[in-house]
Amino acid sequence: MTRFMATAAALSFVALAATACNTPQERALGGGAVGAAGGALVGQAIGGNTGATVAGAVIGGLAGAMIGAGTAPGQCQYHQQDSRGRPMYDRNGNPVTFQAACR
């Protein structure tokens, strides 16, 4: 039991490093890994058997992946500004925009 907890804790710390990624896919993968490790620890602590550990890992992994993908920073659309900070427009009167990471 102690060896399992030490291994699960070490894997949790490694997976935690992967959660600082930026794309939704990378965040889902990192969140799923952290969730699975945490779920396995909780399942083992509550159930004390292999079935509870696997169920906790599956539930935690799914929840972590959904949360990780949902919290990924997205792309926002901004109005381009001239040197005085005024919005720029094209010849048809449409605002000139660009996409960048959200602030």
PDB file of N, CA and C in Angstrom:
ATOM      1  N   MET A   1       0.826  -1.197   0.000  1.00  0.00           N
ATOM      2  CA  MET A   1       0.000   0.000   0.000  1.00  0.00           C
ATOM      3  C   MET A   1       0.866   1.255   0.000  1.00  0.00           C
ATOM      4  N   THR A   2       1.925   1.268   0.816  1.00  0.00           N
ATOM      5  CA  THR A   2       2.794   2.433   0.895  1.00  0.00           C
ATOM      6  C   THR A   2       3.534   2.634  -0.421  1.00  0.00           C
ATOM      7  N   ARG A   3       3.968   1.538  -1.045  1.00  0.00           N
ATOM      8  CA  ARG A   3       4.670   1.644  -2.323  1.00  0.00           C
ATOM      9  C   ARG A   3       3.729   2.180  -3.403  1.00  0.00           C
ATOM     10  N   PHE A   4       2.473   1.736  -3.376  1.00  0.00           N
ATOM     11  CA  PHE A   4       1.486   2.228  -4.346  1.00  0.00           C
ATOM     12  C   PHE A   4       1.270   3.717  -4.173  1.00  0.00           C
ATOM     13  N   MET A   5       1.123   4.174  -2.957  1.00  0.00           N
ATOM     14  CA  MET A   5       0.887   5.593  -2.692  1.00  0.00           C
ATOM     15  C   MET A   5       2.093   6.433  -3.137  1.00  0.00           C
ATOM     16  N   ALA A   6       3.302   5.947  -2.883  1.00  0.00           N
ATOM     17  CA  ALA A   6       4.492   6.690  -3.287  1.00  0.00           C
ATOM     18  C   ALA A   6       4.580   6.769  -4.810  1.00  0.00           C
ATOM     19  N   THR A   7       4.285   5.663  -5.495  1.00  0.00           N
ATOM     20  CA  THR A   7       4.317   5.659  -6.958  1.00  0.00           C
ATOM     21  C   THR A   7       3.250   6.578  -7.527  1.00  0.00           C
ATOM     22  N   ALA A   8       2.048   6.517  -6.976  1.00  0.00           N
ATOM     23  CA  ALA A   8       0.959   7.369  -7.457  1.00  0.00           C
ATOM     24  C   ALA A   8       1.265   8.841  -7.206  1.00  0.00           C
ATOM     25  N   ALA A   9       1.866   9.156  -6.082  1.00  0.00           N
ATOM     26  CA  ALA A   9       2.214  10.549  -5.789  1.00  0.00           C
ATOM     27  C   ALA A   9       3.290  11.054  -6.749  1.00  0.00           C
ATOM     28  N   ALA A  10       4.273  10.219  -7.046  1.00  0.00           N
ATOM     29  CA  ALA A  10       5.326  10.619  -7.986  1.00  0.00           C
ATOM     30  C   ALA A  10       4.749  10.839  -9.377  1.00  0.00           C
ATOM     31  N   LEU A  11       3.866   9.962  -9.815  1.00  0.00           N
ATOM     32  CA  LEU A  11       3.237  10.123 -11.124  1.00  0.00           C
ATOM     33  C   LEU A  11       2.348  11.365 -11.156  1.00  0.00           C
ATOM     34  N   SER A  12       1.721  11.685 -10.049  1.00  0.00           N
ATOM     35  CA  SER A  12       0.895  12.889  -9.980  1.00  0.00           C
ATOM     36  C   SER A  12       1.729  14.144 -10.189  1.00  0.00           C
ATOM     37  N   PHE A  13       2.895  14.185  -9.589  1.00  0.00           N
ATOM     38  CA  PHE A  13       3.759  15.353  -9.750  1.00  0.00           C
ATOM     39  C   PHE A  13       4.269  15.477 -11.182  1.00  0.00           C
ATOM     40  N   VAL A  14       4.571  14.349 -11.820  1.00  0.00           N
ATOM     41  CA  VAL A  14       5.010  14.379 -13.215  1.00  0.00           C
ATOM     42  C   VAL A  14       3.865  14.850 -14.108  1.00  0.00           C
ATOM     43  N   ALA A  15       2.668  14.342 -13.866  1.00  0.00           N
ATOM     44  CA  ALA A  15       1.516  14.743 -14.679  1.00  0.00           C
ATOM     45  C   ALA A  15       1.150  16.197 -14.436  1.00  0.00           C
ATOM     46  N   LEU A  16       1.386  16.686 -13.252  1.00  0.00           N
ATOM     47  CA  LEU A  16       1.083  18.081 -12.943  1.00  0.00           C
ATOM     48  C   LEU A  16       1.911  19.030 -13.806  1.00  0.00           C
ATOM     49  N   ALA A  17       3.118  18.632 -14.136  1.00  0.00           N
ATOM     50  CA  ALA A  17       3.967  19.468 -14.990  1.00  0.00           C
ATOM     51  C   ALA A  17       3.389  19.578 -16.397  1.00  0.00           C
ATOM     52  N   ALA A  18       2.632  18.593 -16.827  1.00  0.00           N
ATOM     53  CA  ALA A  18       2.067  18.613 -18.184  1.00  0.00           C
ATOM     54  C   ALA A  18       0.825  19.486 -18.286  1.00  0.00           C
ATOM     55  N   THR A  19       0.274  19.942 -17.187  1.00  0.00           N
ATOM     56  CA  THR A  19      -0.960  20.726 -17.236  1.00  0.00           C
ATOM     57  C   THR A  19      -0.739  22.186 -17.582  1.00  0.00           C
ATOM     58  N   ALA A  20       0.491  22.624 -17.710  1.00  0.00           N
ATOM     59  CA  ALA A  20       0.759  24.025 -18.036  1.00  0.00           C
ATOM     60  C   ALA A  20       0.797  24.268 -19.543  1.00  0.00           C
ATOM     61  N   CYS A  21       0.279  23.344 -20.320  1.00  0.00           N
ATOM     62  CA  CYS A  21       0.282  23.477 -21.772  1.00  0.00           C
ATOM     63  C   CYS A  21      -0.842  24.409 -22.208  1.00  0.00           C
ATOM     64  N   ASN A  22      -0.797  24.849 -23.471  1.00  0.00           N
ATOM     65  CA  ASN A  22      -1.710  25.891 -23.897  1.00  0.00           C
ATOM     66  C   ASN A  22      -2.859  25.432 -24.780  1.00  0.00           C
ATOM     67  N   THR A  23      -2.676  24.429 -25.621  1.00  0.00           N
ATOM     68  CA  THR A  23      -3.768  24.045 -26.512  1.00  0.00           C
ATOM     69  C   THR A  23      -4.793  23.224 -25.741  1.00  0.00           C
ATOM     70  N   PRO A  24      -6.053  23.224 -26.188  1.00  0.00           N
ATOM     71  CA  PRO A  24      -7.063  22.412 -25.496  1.00  0.00           C
ATOM     72  C   PRO A  24      -6.706  20.927 -25.448  1.00  0.00           C
ATOM     73  N   GLN A  25      -6.077  20.414 -26.508  1.00  0.00           N
ATOM     74  CA  GLN A  25      -5.706  19.002 -26.521  1.00  0.00           C
ATOM     75  C   GLN A  25      -4.628  18.703 -25.486  1.00  0.00           C
ATOM     76  N   GLU A  26      -3.633  19.576 -25.394  1.00  0.00           N
ATOM     77  CA  GLU A  26      -2.575  19.382 -24.407  1.00  0.00           C
ATOM     78  C   GLU A  26      -3.124  19.526 -22.992  1.00  0.00           C
ATOM     79  N   ARG A  27      -4.001  20.490 -22.793  1.00  0.00           N
ATOM     80  CA  ARG A  27      -4.600  20.678 -21.469  1.00  0.00           C
ATOM     81  C   ARG A  27      -5.475  19.487 -21.092  1.00  0.00           C
ATOM     82  N   ALA A  28      -6.213  18.931 -22.066  1.00  0.00           N
ATOM     83  CA  ALA A  28      -7.055  17.769 -21.787  1.00  0.00           C
ATOM     84  C   ALA A  28      -6.189  16.573 -21.392  1.00  0.00           C
ATOM     85  N   LEU A  29      -5.081  16.383 -22.088  1.00  0.00           N
ATOM     86  CA  LEU A  29      -4.184  15.272 -21.774  1.00  0.00           C
ATOM     87  C   LEU A  29      -3.574  15.422 -20.383  1.00  0.00           C
ATOM     88  N   GLY A  30      -3.067  16.612 -20.086  1.00  0.00           N
ATOM     89  CA  GLY A  30      -2.485  16.842 -18.761  1.00  0.00           C
ATOM     90  C   GLY A  30      -3.515  16.752 -17.653  1.00  0.00           C
ATOM     91  N   GLY A  31      -4.701  17.335 -17.883  1.00  0.00           N
ATOM     92  CA  GLY A  31      -5.761  17.260 -16.884  1.00  0.00           C
ATOM     93  C   GLY A  31      -6.239  15.838 -16.662  1.00  0.00           C
ATOM     94  N   GLY A  32      -6.306  15.071 -17.747  1.00  0.00           N
ATOM     95  CA  GLY A  32      -6.709  13.669 -17.624  1.00  0.00           C
ATOM     96  C   GLY A  32      -5.709  12.856 -16.819  1.00  0.00           C
ATOM     97  N   ALA A  33      -4.424  13.133 -17.032  1.00  0.00           N
ATOM     98  CA  ALA A  33      -3.390  12.410 -16.285  1.00  0.00           C
ATOM     99  C   ALA A  33      -3.450  12.741 -14.796  1.00  0.00           C
ATOM    100  N   VAL A  34      -3.582  14.008 -14.495  1.00  0.00           N
ATOM    101  CA  VAL A  34      -3.662  14.415 -13.079  1.00  0.00           C
ATOM    102  C   VAL A  34      -4.943  13.868 -12.448  1.00  0.00           C
ATOM    103  N   GLY A  35      -6.054  13.953 -13.180  1.00  0.00           N
ATOM    104  CA  GLY A  35      -7.320  13.438 -12.660  1.00  0.00           C
ATOM    105  C   GLY A  35      -7.296  11.940 -12.434  1.00  0.00           C
ATOM    106  N   ALA A  36      -6.659  11.206 -13.358  1.00  0.00           N
ATOM    107  CA  ALA A  36      -6.579   9.755 -13.207  1.00  0.00           C
ATOM    108  C   ALA A  36      -5.737   9.369 -11.992  1.00  0.00           C
ATOM    109  N   ALA A  37      -4.619  10.066 -11.817  1.00  0.00           N
ATOM    110  CA  ALA A  37      -3.773   9.768 -10.660  1.00  0.00           C
ATOM    111  C   ALA A  37      -4.497  10.094  -9.350  1.00  0.00           C
ATOM    112  N   GLY A  38      -5.129  11.249  -9.312  1.00  0.00           N
ATOM    113  CA  GLY A  38      -5.875  11.613  -8.111  1.00  0.00           C
ATOM    114  C   GLY A  38      -7.049  10.694  -7.853  1.00  0.00           C
ATOM    115  N   GLY A  39      -7.759  10.332  -8.931  1.00  0.00           N
ATOM    116  CA  GLY A  39      -8.887   9.413  -8.784  1.00  0.00           C
ATOM    117  C   GLY A  39      -8.456   8.038  -8.298  1.00  0.00           C
ATOM    118  N   ALA A  40      -7.291   7.573  -8.781  1.00  0.00           N
ATOM    119  CA  ALA A  40      -6.778   6.280  -8.319  1.00  0.00           C
ATOM    120  C   ALA A  40      -6.447   6.328  -6.838  1.00  0.00           C
ATOM    121  N   LEU A  41      -5.855   7.419  -6.403  1.00  0.00           N
ATOM    122  CA  LEU A  41      -5.537   7.550  -4.971  1.00  0.00           C
ATOM    123  C   LEU A  41      -6.800   7.567  -4.119  1.00  0.00           C
ATOM    124  N   VAL A  42      -7.794   8.317  -4.560  1.00  0.00           N
ATOM    125  CA  VAL A  42      -9.049   8.392  -3.807  1.00  0.00           C
ATOM    126  C   VAL A  42      -9.777   7.050  -3.832  1.00  0.00           C
ATOM    127  N   GLY A  43      -9.806   6.417  -4.998  1.00  0.00           N
ATOM    128  CA  GLY A  43     -10.468   5.111  -5.101  1.00  0.00           C
ATOM    129  C   GLY A  43      -9.817   4.066  -4.218  1.00  0.00           C
ATOM    130  N   GLN A  44      -8.493   4.057  -4.159  1.00  0.00           N
ATOM    131  CA  GLN A  44      -7.783   3.111  -3.298  1.00  0.00           C
ATOM    132  C   GLN A  44      -8.034   3.415  -1.829  1.00  0.00           C
ATOM    133  N   ALA A  45      -8.065   4.697  -1.488  1.00  0.00           N
ATOM    134  CA  ALA A  45      -8.287   5.064  -0.093  1.00  0.00           C
ATOM    135  C   ALA A  45      -9.698   4.721   0.366  1.00  0.00           C
ATOM    136  N   ILE A  46     -10.675   4.892  -0.530  1.00  0.00           N
ATOM    137  CA  ILE A  46     -12.063   4.622  -0.145  1.00  0.00           C
ATOM    138  C   ILE A  46     -12.384   3.140  -0.217  1.00  0.00           C
ATOM    139  N   GLY A  47     -12.086   2.523  -1.364  1.00  0.00           N
ATOM    140  CA  GLY A  47     -12.481   1.131  -1.570  1.00  0.00           C
ATOM    141  C   GLY A  47     -11.477   0.121  -1.083  1.00  0.00           C
ATOM    142  N   GLY A  48     -10.208   0.429  -1.213  1.00  0.00           N
ATOM    143  CA  GLY A  48      -9.167  -0.469  -0.743  1.00  0.00           C
ATOM    144  C   GLY A  48      -8.960  -1.695  -1.615  1.00  0.00           C
ATOM    145  N   ASN A  49      -9.490  -1.702  -2.838  1.00  0.00           N
ATOM    146  CA  ASN A  49      -9.286  -2.840  -3.725  1.00  0.00           C
ATOM    147  C   ASN A  49      -9.016  -2.350  -5.141  1.00  0.00           C
ATOM    148  N   THR A  50      -8.693  -3.289  -6.017  1.00  0.00           N
ATOM    149  CA  THR A  50      -8.323  -2.935  -7.391  1.00  0.00           C
ATOM    150  C   THR A  50      -9.482  -2.311  -8.146  1.00  0.00           C
ATOM    151  N   GLY A  51     -10.687  -2.827  -7.964  1.00  0.00           N
ATOM    152  CA  GLY A  51     -11.849  -2.294  -8.673  1.00  0.00           C
ATOM    153  C   GLY A  51     -12.113  -0.840  -8.336  1.00  0.00           C
ATOM    154  N   ALA A  52     -12.000  -0.502  -7.072  1.00  0.00           N
ATOM    155  CA  ALA A  52     -12.216   0.886  -6.650  1.00  0.00           C
ATOM    156  C   ALA A  52     -11.118   1.794  -7.188  1.00  0.00           C
ATOM    157  N   THR A  53      -9.889   1.283  -7.246  1.00  0.00           N
ATOM    158  CA  THR A  53      -8.786   2.076  -7.774  1.00  0.00           C
ATOM    159  C   THR A  53      -8.975   2.361  -9.256  1.00  0.00           C
ATOM    160  N   VAL A  54      -9.365   1.328 -10.015  1.00  0.00           N
ATOM    161  CA  VAL A  54      -9.589   1.503 -11.455  1.00  0.00           C
ATOM    162  C   VAL A  54     -10.770   2.442 -11.704  1.00  0.00           C
ATOM    163  N   ALA A  55     -11.851   2.259 -10.961  1.00  0.00           N
ATOM    164  CA  ALA A  55     -13.020   3.128 -11.127  1.00  0.00           C
ATOM    165  C   ALA A  55     -12.668   4.579 -10.801  1.00  0.00           C
ATOM    166  N   GLY A  56     -11.910   4.793  -9.745  1.00  0.00           N
ATOM    167  CA  GLY A  56     -11.489   6.144  -9.393  1.00  0.00           C
ATOM    168  C   GLY A  56     -10.597   6.758 -10.457  1.00  0.00           C
ATOM    169  N   ALA A  57      -9.708   5.940 -11.033  1.00  0.00           N
ATOM    170  CA  ALA A  57      -8.818   6.447 -12.084  1.00  0.00           C
ATOM    171  C   ALA A  57      -9.611   6.828 -13.335  1.00  0.00           C
ATOM    172  N   VAL A  58     -10.579   6.020 -13.703  1.00  0.00           N
ATOM    173  CA  VAL A  58     -11.386   6.307 -14.894  1.00  0.00           C
ATOM    174  C   VAL A  58     -12.214   7.572 -14.683  1.00  0.00           C
ATOM    175  N   ILE A  59     -12.898   7.644 -13.566  1.00  0.00           N
ATOM    176  CA  ILE A  59     -13.742   8.814 -13.283  1.00  0.00           C
ATOM    177  C   ILE A  59     -12.880  10.075 -13.162  1.00  0.00           C
ATOM    178  N   GLY A  60     -11.774   9.993 -12.445  1.00  0.00           N
ATOM    179  CA  GLY A  60     -10.886  11.139 -12.298  1.00  0.00           C
ATOM    180  C   GLY A  60     -10.258  11.555 -13.615  1.00  0.00           C
ATOM    181  N   GLY A  61      -9.897  10.588 -14.444  1.00  0.00           N
ATOM    182  CA  GLY A  61      -9.306  10.903 -15.741  1.00  0.00           C
ATOM    183  C   GLY A  61     -10.279  11.621 -16.656  1.00  0.00           C
ATOM    184  N   LEU A  62     -11.507  11.144 -16.691  1.00  0.00           N
ATOM    185  CA  LEU A  62     -12.520  11.805 -17.527  1.00  0.00           C
ATOM    186  C   LEU A  62     -12.814  13.221 -17.030  1.00  0.00           C
ATOM    187  N   ALA A  63     -12.979  13.348 -15.737  1.00  0.00           N
ATOM    188  CA  ALA A  63     -13.256  14.677 -15.175  1.00  0.00           C
ATOM    189  C   ALA A  63     -12.081  15.622 -15.406  1.00  0.00           C
ATOM    190  N   GLY A  64     -10.862  15.143 -15.208  1.00  0.00           N
ATOM    191  CA  GLY A  64      -9.687  15.973 -15.414  1.00  0.00           C
ATOM    192  C   GLY A  64      -9.519  16.405 -16.862  1.00  0.00           C
ATOM    193  N   ALA A  65      -9.822  15.496 -17.793  1.00  0.00           N
ATOM    194  CA  ALA A  65      -9.717  15.840 -19.214  1.00  0.00           C
ATOM    195  C   ALA A  65     -10.743  16.899 -19.599  1.00  0.00           C
ATOM    196  N   MET A  66     -11.959  16.770 -19.092  1.00  0.00           N
ATOM    197  CA  MET A  66     -12.989  17.765 -19.415  1.00  0.00           C
ATOM    198  C   MET A  66     -12.637  19.128 -18.821  1.00  0.00           C
ATOM    199  N   ILE A  67     -12.176  19.129 -17.593  1.00  0.00           N
ATOM    200  CA  ILE A  67     -11.811  20.397 -16.953  1.00  0.00           C
ATOM    201  C   ILE A  67     -10.593  21.007 -17.639  1.00  0.00           C
ATOM    202  N   GLY A  68      -9.602  20.183 -17.970  1.00  0.00           N
ATOM    203  CA  GLY A  68      -8.410  20.694 -18.632  1.00  0.00           C
ATOM    204  C   GLY A  68      -8.717  21.314 -19.987  1.00  0.00           C
ATOM    205  N   ALA A  69      -9.544  20.638 -20.792  1.00  0.00           N
ATOM    206  CA  ALA A  69      -9.892  21.167 -22.109  1.00  0.00           C
ATOM    207  C   ALA A  69     -10.746  22.427 -21.988  1.00  0.00           C
ATOM    208  N   GLY A  70     -11.585  22.482 -20.978  1.00  0.00           N
ATOM    209  CA  GLY A  70     -12.472  23.633 -20.810  1.00  0.00           C
ATOM    210  C   GLY A  70     -11.782  24.870 -20.284  1.00  0.00           C
ATOM    211  N   THR A  71     -10.599  24.706 -19.704  1.00  0.00           N
ATOM    212  CA  THR A  71      -9.904  25.861 -19.134  1.00  0.00           C
ATOM    213  C   THR A  71      -8.727  26.319 -19.973  1.00  0.00           C
ATOM    214  N   ALA A  72      -8.587  25.790 -21.177  1.00  0.00           N
ATOM    215  CA  ALA A  72      -7.480  26.194 -22.041  1.00  0.00           C
ATOM    216  C   ALA A  72      -7.689  27.625 -22.525  1.00  0.00           C
ATOM    217  N   PRO A  73      -6.633  28.405 -22.554  1.00  0.00           N
ATOM    218  CA  PRO A  73      -6.783  29.766 -23.060  1.00  0.00           C
ATOM    219  C   PRO A  73      -7.108  29.745 -24.546  1.00  0.00           C
ATOM    220  N   GLY A  74      -7.981  30.600 -24.948  1.00  0.00           N
ATOM    221  CA  GLY A  74      -8.406  30.623 -26.336  1.00  0.00           C
ATOM    222  C   GLY A  74      -7.810  31.776 -27.112  1.00  0.00           C
ATOM    223  N   GLN A  75      -8.310  31.938 -28.314  1.00  0.00           N
ATOM    224  CA  GLN A  75      -7.895  33.042 -29.171  1.00  0.00           C
ATOM    225  C   GLN A  75      -8.990  34.094 -29.146  1.00  0.00           C
ATOM    226  N   CYS A  76      -8.617  35.327 -28.983  1.00  0.00           N
ATOM    227  CA  CYS A  76      -9.565  36.429 -28.975  1.00  0.00           C
ATOM    228  C   CYS A  76      -9.318  37.306 -30.193  1.00  0.00           C
ATOM    229  N   GLN A  77     -10.344  38.013 -30.579  1.00  0.00           N
ATOM    230  CA  GLN A  77     -10.235  38.909 -31.718  1.00  0.00           C
ATOM    231  C   GLN A  77     -10.155  40.345 -31.201  1.00  0.00           C
ATOM    232  N   TYR A  78      -9.140  41.071 -31.654  1.00  0.00           N
ATOM    233  CA  TYR A  78      -8.909  42.429 -31.209  1.00  0.00           C
ATOM    234  C   TYR A  78      -8.993  43.393 -32.396  1.00  0.00           C
ATOM    235  N   HIS A  79      -9.387  44.626 -32.128  1.00  0.00           N
ATOM    236  CA  HIS A  79      -9.385  45.677 -33.141  1.00  0.00           C
ATOM    237  C   HIS A  79      -7.985  46.257 -33.230  1.00  0.00           C
ATOM    238  N   GLN A  80      -7.498  46.373 -34.443  1.00  0.00           N
ATOM    239  CA  GLN A  80      -6.192  46.997 -34.627  1.00  0.00           C
ATOM    240  C   GLN A  80      -6.331  48.496 -34.430  1.00  0.00           C
ATOM    241  N   GLN A  81      -5.335  49.095 -33.805  1.00  0.00           N
ATOM    242  CA  GLN A  81      -5.386  50.523 -33.493  1.00  0.00           C
ATOM    243  C   GLN A  81      -4.243  51.261 -34.179  1.00  0.00           C
ATOM    244  N   ASP A  82      -4.487  52.523 -34.465  1.00  0.00           N
ATOM    245  CA  ASP A  82      -3.425  53.345 -35.037  1.00  0.00           C
ATOM    246  C   ASP A  82      -2.508  53.832 -33.922  1.00  0.00           C
ATOM    247  N   SER A  83      -1.572  54.699 -34.253  1.00  0.00           N
ATOM    248  CA  SER A  83      -0.587  55.166 -33.274  1.00  0.00           C
ATOM    249  C   SER A  83      -1.202  55.990 -32.153  1.00  0.00           C
ATOM    250  N   ARG A  84      -2.406  56.502 -32.360  1.00  0.00           N
ATOM    251  CA  ARG A  84      -3.086  57.284 -31.328  1.00  0.00           C
ATOM    252  C   ARG A  84      -4.073  56.454 -30.510  1.00  0.00           C
ATOM    253  N   GLY A  85      -4.158  55.164 -30.805  1.00  0.00           N
ATOM    254  CA  GLY A  85      -5.051  54.287 -30.053  1.00  0.00           C
ATOM    255  C   GLY A  85      -6.469  54.236 -30.576  1.00  0.00           C
ATOM    256  N   ARG A  86      -6.693  54.786 -31.759  1.00  0.00           N
ATOM    257  CA  ARG A  86      -8.039  54.766 -32.345  1.00  0.00           C
ATOM    258  C   ARG A  86      -8.204  53.508 -33.198  1.00  0.00           C
ATOM    259  N   PRO A  87      -9.403  52.918 -33.240  1.00  0.00           N
ATOM    260  CA  PRO A  87      -9.616  51.730 -34.063  1.00  0.00           C
ATOM    261  C   PRO A  87      -9.406  52.036 -35.545  1.00  0.00           C
ATOM    262  N   MET A  88      -8.841  51.082 -36.260  1.00  0.00           N
ATOM    263  CA  MET A  88      -8.601  51.236 -37.694  1.00  0.00           C
ATOM    264  C   MET A  88      -9.723  50.548 -38.473  1.00  0.00           C
ATOM    265  N   TYR A  89     -10.054  51.113 -39.643  1.00  0.00           N
ATOM    266  CA  TYR A  89     -11.108  50.562 -40.505  1.00  0.00           C
ATOM    267  C   TYR A  89     -10.569  50.425 -41.921  1.00  0.00           C
ATOM    268  N   ASP A  90     -11.074  49.406 -42.641  1.00  0.00           N
ATOM    269  CA  ASP A  90     -10.677  49.274 -44.044  1.00  0.00           C
ATOM    270  C   ASP A  90     -11.504  50.212 -44.914  1.00  0.00           C
ATOM    271  N   ARG A  91     -11.313  50.153 -46.224  1.00  0.00           N
ATOM    272  CA  ARG A  91     -11.996  51.101 -47.112  1.00  0.00           C
ATOM    273  C   ARG A  91     -13.503  50.891 -47.182  1.00  0.00           C
ATOM    274  N   ASN A  92     -13.996  49.724 -46.723  1.00  0.00           N
ATOM    275  CA  ASN A  92     -15.435  49.463 -46.706  1.00  0.00           C
ATOM    276  C   ASN A  92     -16.081  49.835 -45.377  1.00  0.00           C
ATOM    277  N   GLY A  93     -15.301  50.309 -44.451  1.00  0.00           N
ATOM    278  CA  GLY A  93     -15.837  50.707 -43.156  1.00  0.00           C
ATOM    279  C   GLY A  93     -15.850  49.586 -42.127  1.00  0.00           C
ATOM    280  N   ASN A  94     -15.243  48.438 -42.462  1.00  0.00           N
ATOM    281  CA  ASN A  94     -15.190  47.319 -41.515  1.00  0.00           C
ATOM    282  C   ASN A  94     -13.965  47.468 -40.621  1.00  0.00           C
ATOM    283  N   PRO A  95     -14.106  47.131 -39.339  1.00  0.00           N
ATOM    284  CA  PRO A  95     -12.949  47.248 -38.449  1.00  0.00           C
ATOM    285  C   PRO A  95     -11.859  46.252 -38.838  1.00  0.00           C
ATOM    286  N   VAL A  96     -10.615  46.698 -38.744  1.00  0.00           N
ATOM    287  CA  VAL A  96      -9.473  45.830 -38.994  1.00  0.00           C
ATOM    288  C   VAL A  96      -9.190  45.082 -37.699  1.00  0.00           C
ATOM    289  N   THR A  97      -9.214  43.745 -37.757  1.00  0.00           N
ATOM    290  CA  THR A  97      -9.052  42.942 -36.556  1.00  0.00           C
ATOM    291  C   THR A  97      -7.897  41.961 -36.722  1.00  0.00           C
ATOM    292  N   PHE A  98      -7.439  41.425 -35.619  1.00  0.00           N
ATOM    293  CA  PHE A  98      -6.440  40.357 -35.612  1.00  0.00           C
ATOM    294  C   PHE A  98      -6.743  39.440 -34.437  1.00  0.00           C
ATOM    295  N   GLN A  99      -6.227  38.204 -34.526  1.00  0.00           N
ATOM    296  CA  GLN A  99      -6.442  37.245 -33.448  1.00  0.00           C
ATOM    297  C   GLN A  99      -5.145  37.023 -32.691  1.00  0.00           C
ATOM    298  N   ALA A 100      -5.278  36.911 -31.390  1.00  0.00           N
ATOM    299  CA  ALA A 100      -4.133  36.660 -30.511  1.00  0.00           C
ATOM    300  C   ALA A 100      -4.672  35.977 -29.253  1.00  0.00           C
ATOM    301  N   ALA A 101      -3.765  35.530 -28.425  1.00  0.00           N
ATOM    302  CA  ALA A 101      -4.169  34.896 -27.169  1.00  0.00           C
ATOM    303  C   ALA A 101      -4.938  35.882 -26.307  1.00  0.00           C
ATOM    304  N   CYS A 102      -5.954  35.391 -25.622  1.00  0.00           N
ATOM    305  CA  CYS A 102      -6.765  36.252 -24.761  1.00  0.00           C
ATOM    306  C   CYS A 102      -5.929  36.764 -23.595  1.00  0.00           C
ATOM    307  N   ARG A 103      -6.229  37.965 -23.176  1.00  0.00           N
ATOM    308  CA  ARG A 103      -5.520  38.562 -22.047  1.00  0.00           C
ATOM    309  C   ARG A 103      -6.179  38.187 -20.762  1.00  0.00           C
TER     310      ARG A 103
END
